[in-house]
Amino acid sequence: MLKKSHRRKRKNRRTGPVRFLAIVLGIFAFSPLWFGGAYAESGVVYKSLQPPKDLKAGKDTPEALPSQVDLKTLPDPFLSYLVREVRDEATLKEQEAQRLRDTEKMLAKEKAAAAEKLRQMREPKTELQKLNLAQLTLTAIIQDGDKSWAMVRDERGMGYILKKGTPIGTMGGRVGEILKAQKKVIVNEPYLEKELYIKYKRQTIELPDEVF
């Protein structure tokens, strides 16, 4: 009995791996049929593989070209940092010089306008404006309340009446004050300061002790 049992065990050891191998081969042999039918029933369609596209194709076509770019606005990648620094500094200097030129032009215009205004103020419009203050003699001062008048005469004996604001003299002056107590008339004459600003200086016509 022991001999038979040992024989059966040896037989099972020999036939066991053979049976397992036969089963695996059978599964692989019938699997394409089974999976193929399943794929057909599910309605899945598989396309054949397409060859890869030529990446170089279409680069030279008008559709593939980028939009036109102004090359002047693009920075030069080959331009060194020092060259760019010098160029930028030169540009800043030119801009500063241009601003200076513009400022000088504007200043020249303002000076010309101030000079023209002074010329118009000195332009004689009356006979009294054609005479220098030194040619005039103060002969009388009259005051009535808060109002004052004065009288002057020229070298020919021609008399003129003055009141506040009367144009007088060849320098574009105007009567600023008539002071009876101080016996004098104050005349404000315009002039240019720094060729740009119109200022006024005070000139005085005094009443002499003896009036001829």
Protein backbone atom coordinates (compact mmCIF):
# COMPACT_ATOMS: atom_id res chain seq x y z
CA MET A 1 0.00 0.00 0.00
CA LEU A 2 2.81 2.32 0.81
CA LYS A 3 4.39 1.66 -2.53
CA LYS A 4 1.13 2.56 -4.37
CA SER A 5 0.72 5.80 -2.47
CA HIS A 6 4.29 6.84 -3.27
CA ARG A 7 3.67 6.07 -6.94
CA ARG A 8 0.50 8.22 -6.98
CA LYS A 9 2.34 11.16 -5.40
CA ARG A 10 5.13 10.92 -7.94
CA LYS A 11 2.54 10.76 -10.74
CA ASN A 12 0.68 13.80 -9.43
CA ARG A 13 3.93 15.75 -9.17
CA ARG A 14 4.67 15.05 -12.83
CA THR A 15 1.20 15.78 -14.23
CA GLY A 16 0.31 18.83 -12.07
CA PRO A 17 2.52 21.45 -13.79
CA VAL A 18 1.60 20.08 -17.18
CA ARG A 19 -2.09 20.57 -16.53
CA PHE A 20 -1.56 24.17 -15.27
CA LEU A 21 0.47 25.06 -18.32
CA ALA A 22 -2.20 23.63 -20.62
CA ILE A 23 -4.91 25.70 -18.93
CA VAL A 24 -2.89 28.98 -19.31
CA LEU A 25 -2.21 28.29 -22.97
CA GLY A 26 -5.88 27.60 -23.55
CA ILE A 27 -6.85 30.95 -22.02
CA PHE A 28 -4.42 32.88 -24.25
CA ALA A 29 -5.56 30.90 -27.29
CA PHE A 30 -9.25 31.74 -26.86
CA SER A 31 -8.89 35.28 -25.38
CA PRO A 32 -8.67 37.15 -28.76
CA LEU A 33 -11.91 35.60 -29.86
CA TRP A 34 -13.68 36.51 -26.66
CA PHE A 35 -12.30 40.08 -26.36
CA GLY A 36 -12.81 40.73 -30.05
CA GLY A 37 -16.47 39.85 -29.79
CA ALA A 38 -16.83 42.02 -26.73
CA TYR A 39 -15.24 45.03 -28.51
CA ALA A 40 -17.47 44.47 -31.54
CA GLU A 41 -20.58 44.37 -29.39
CA SER A 42 -19.64 47.58 -27.54
CA GLY A 43 -19.41 49.53 -30.84
CA VAL A 44 -15.91 50.93 -30.16
CA VAL A 45 -14.09 51.88 -33.38
CA TYR A 46 -10.32 52.04 -33.45
CA LYS A 47 -8.58 54.09 -36.15
CA SER A 48 -5.30 53.13 -37.60
CA LEU A 49 -2.27 55.06 -36.41
CA GLN A 50 -1.41 58.16 -38.47
CA PRO A 51 2.17 59.06 -39.30
CA PRO A 52 3.53 62.04 -37.25
CA LYS A 53 3.04 65.48 -38.75
CA ASP A 54 6.00 67.26 -40.21
CA LEU A 55 6.70 70.02 -37.72
CA LYS A 56 8.65 71.97 -40.29
CA ALA A 57 5.74 72.09 -42.68
CA GLY A 58 3.76 75.33 -42.71
CA LYS A 59 6.44 77.54 -41.20
CA ASP A 60 7.03 79.38 -44.44
CA THR A 61 3.35 79.74 -45.27
CA PRO A 62 1.75 83.19 -44.87
CA GLU A 63 -0.66 81.84 -42.23
CA ALA A 64 2.20 80.72 -40.02
CA LEU A 65 4.17 83.97 -40.24
CA PRO A 66 3.86 86.28 -37.21
CA SER A 67 2.37 89.73 -37.50
CA GLN A 68 4.68 92.49 -38.68
CA VAL A 69 6.84 93.94 -35.89
CA ASP A 70 8.73 97.22 -35.97
CA LEU A 71 12.33 96.10 -35.52
CA LYS A 72 13.36 99.59 -34.45
CA THR A 73 11.37 99.26 -31.23
CA LEU A 74 12.97 95.95 -30.26
CA PRO A 75 16.03 96.06 -27.99
CA ASP A 76 19.24 94.87 -29.52
CA PRO A 77 20.23 91.69 -27.66
CA PHE A 78 23.82 92.00 -28.93
CA LEU A 79 24.25 95.50 -27.56
CA SER A 80 26.37 95.40 -24.44
CA TYR A 81 25.26 96.93 -21.17
CA LEU A 82 27.97 99.59 -21.27
CA VAL A 83 27.02 100.70 -24.77
CA ARG A 84 23.38 100.98 -23.72
CA GLU A 85 24.42 102.94 -20.64
CA VAL A 86 26.41 105.42 -22.72
CA ARG A 87 23.61 105.74 -25.24
CA ASP A 88 21.01 106.37 -22.52
CA GLU A 89 23.25 108.97 -20.88
CA ALA A 90 23.71 110.74 -24.20
CA THR A 91 19.93 110.71 -24.72
CA LEU A 92 19.35 112.24 -21.28
CA LYS A 93 21.93 114.96 -21.98
CA GLU A 94 20.26 115.78 -25.29
CA GLN A 95 16.85 115.97 -23.61
CA GLU A 96 18.25 118.25 -20.91
CA ALA A 97 19.89 120.46 -23.54
CA GLN A 98 16.60 120.63 -25.45
CA ARG A 99 14.73 121.65 -22.28
CA LEU A 100 17.36 124.33 -21.66
CA ARG A 101 16.96 125.65 -25.20
CA ASP A 102 13.18 125.71 -24.79
CA THR A 103 13.52 127.59 -21.49
CA GLU A 104 15.85 130.13 -23.08
CA LYS A 105 13.43 130.66 -25.96
CA MET A 106 10.54 131.19 -23.55
CA LEU A 107 12.62 133.59 -21.45
CA ALA A 108 13.60 135.54 -24.56
CA LYS A 109 9.92 135.83 -25.51
CA GLU A 110 9.02 137.09 -22.02
CA LYS A 111 11.84 139.64 -22.13
CA ALA A 112 10.72 140.84 -25.55
CA ALA A 113 7.14 141.16 -24.30
CA ALA A 114 8.27 143.15 -21.24
CA ALA A 115 10.41 145.45 -23.40
CA GLU A 116 7.49 146.04 -25.76
CA LYS A 117 5.20 146.85 -22.86
CA LEU A 118 7.73 149.38 -21.50
CA ARG A 119 8.08 150.94 -24.94
CA GLN A 120 4.32 151.37 -25.17
CA MET A 121 4.23 152.92 -21.69
CA ARG A 122 6.90 155.42 -22.69
CA GLU A 123 5.36 156.26 -26.05
CA PRO A 124 4.30 159.93 -25.87
CA LYS A 125 0.64 160.63 -26.38
CA THR A 126 0.44 164.17 -25.00
CA GLU A 127 2.64 167.26 -25.09
CA LEU A 128 3.44 166.79 -21.40
CA GLN A 129 4.94 163.38 -22.18
CA LYS A 130 7.38 164.95 -24.63
CA LEU A 131 9.06 166.96 -21.87
CA ASN A 132 11.67 165.78 -19.35
CA LEU A 133 10.88 166.32 -15.69
CA ALA A 134 13.91 168.60 -15.52
CA GLN A 135 12.23 170.90 -18.05
CA LEU A 136 9.19 171.38 -15.79
CA THR A 137 8.79 173.73 -12.84
CA LEU A 138 6.18 173.19 -10.13
CA THR A 139 4.32 176.47 -9.67
CA ALA A 140 1.35 175.68 -7.43
CA ILE A 141 -0.41 172.97 -5.35
CA ILE A 142 -4.11 173.16 -4.62
CA GLN A 143 -5.98 170.88 -2.20
CA ASP A 144 -9.73 170.61 -1.72
CA GLY A 145 -10.67 168.04 0.88
CA ASP A 146 -9.19 164.70 -0.23
CA LYS A 147 -8.53 165.96 -3.76
CA SER A 148 -5.34 167.65 -4.87
CA TRP A 149 -4.13 169.41 -8.01
CA ALA A 150 -0.82 170.85 -9.08
CA MET A 151 0.39 173.13 -11.84
CA VAL A 152 3.67 172.98 -13.74
CA ARG A 153 5.09 175.05 -16.59
CA ASP A 154 7.73 174.35 -19.18
CA GLU A 155 10.65 176.47 -20.30
CA ARG A 156 8.45 178.33 -22.75
CA GLY A 157 6.03 179.31 -19.99
CA MET A 158 3.29 176.85 -21.06
CA GLY A 159 1.30 175.66 -18.06
CA TYR A 160 -0.11 172.18 -17.38
CA ILE A 161 -2.49 170.93 -14.67
CA LEU A 162 -1.62 167.71 -12.86
CA LYS A 163 -3.73 165.28 -10.89
CA LYS A 164 -3.13 161.75 -9.67
CA GLY A 165 -2.55 159.42 -12.64
CA THR A 166 -1.60 162.15 -15.15
CA PRO A 167 1.05 160.88 -17.66
CA ILE A 168 4.13 163.06 -17.45
CA GLY A 169 7.71 163.00 -18.75
CA THR A 170 9.51 161.10 -21.50
CA MET A 171 10.09 158.01 -19.32
CA GLY A 172 6.42 157.01 -19.17
CA GLY A 173 5.89 158.35 -15.66
CA ARG A 174 2.56 159.04 -14.01
CA VAL A 175 1.67 161.32 -11.12
CA GLY A 176 1.48 159.15 -8.00
CA GLU A 177 1.00 161.68 -5.19
CA ILE A 178 0.50 165.40 -4.77
CA LEU A 179 1.71 166.47 -1.32
CA LYS A 180 0.80 170.01 -0.37
CA ALA A 181 2.45 169.92 3.05
CA GLN A 182 5.75 168.69 1.62
CA LYS A 183 5.38 171.00 -1.40
CA LYS A 184 6.19 168.32 -3.93
CA VAL A 185 4.74 166.02 -6.57
CA ILE A 186 5.73 162.32 -6.73
CA VAL A 187 6.03 160.79 -10.21
CA ASN A 188 6.33 156.99 -10.68
CA GLU A 189 8.49 156.05 -13.69
CA PRO A 190 8.55 152.45 -14.99
CA TYR A 191 11.76 150.55 -15.74
CA LEU A 192 12.84 146.97 -16.42
CA GLU A 193 14.45 144.89 -13.71
CA LYS A 194 16.58 142.01 -15.03
CA GLU A 195 15.10 142.82 -18.47
CA LEU A 196 11.96 140.98 -17.42
CA TYR A 197 10.00 142.66 -14.63
CA ILE A 198 8.49 146.14 -14.82
CA LYS A 199 9.22 148.10 -11.66
CA TYR A 200 8.67 151.76 -10.71
CA LYS A 201 11.03 154.32 -9.28
CA ARG A 202 9.95 157.54 -7.58
CA GLN A 203 10.89 160.92 -9.03
CA THR A 204 10.17 164.18 -7.27
CA ILE A 205 9.19 167.63 -8.55
CA GLU A 206 9.56 170.12 -5.71
CA LEU A 207 7.98 173.51 -5.33
CA PRO A 208 10.77 176.13 -5.36
CA ASP A 209 10.95 178.84 -2.72
CA GLU A 210 10.48 181.51 -5.34
CA VAL A 211 8.31 180.97 -8.36
CA PHE A 212 9.11 183.21 -11.30
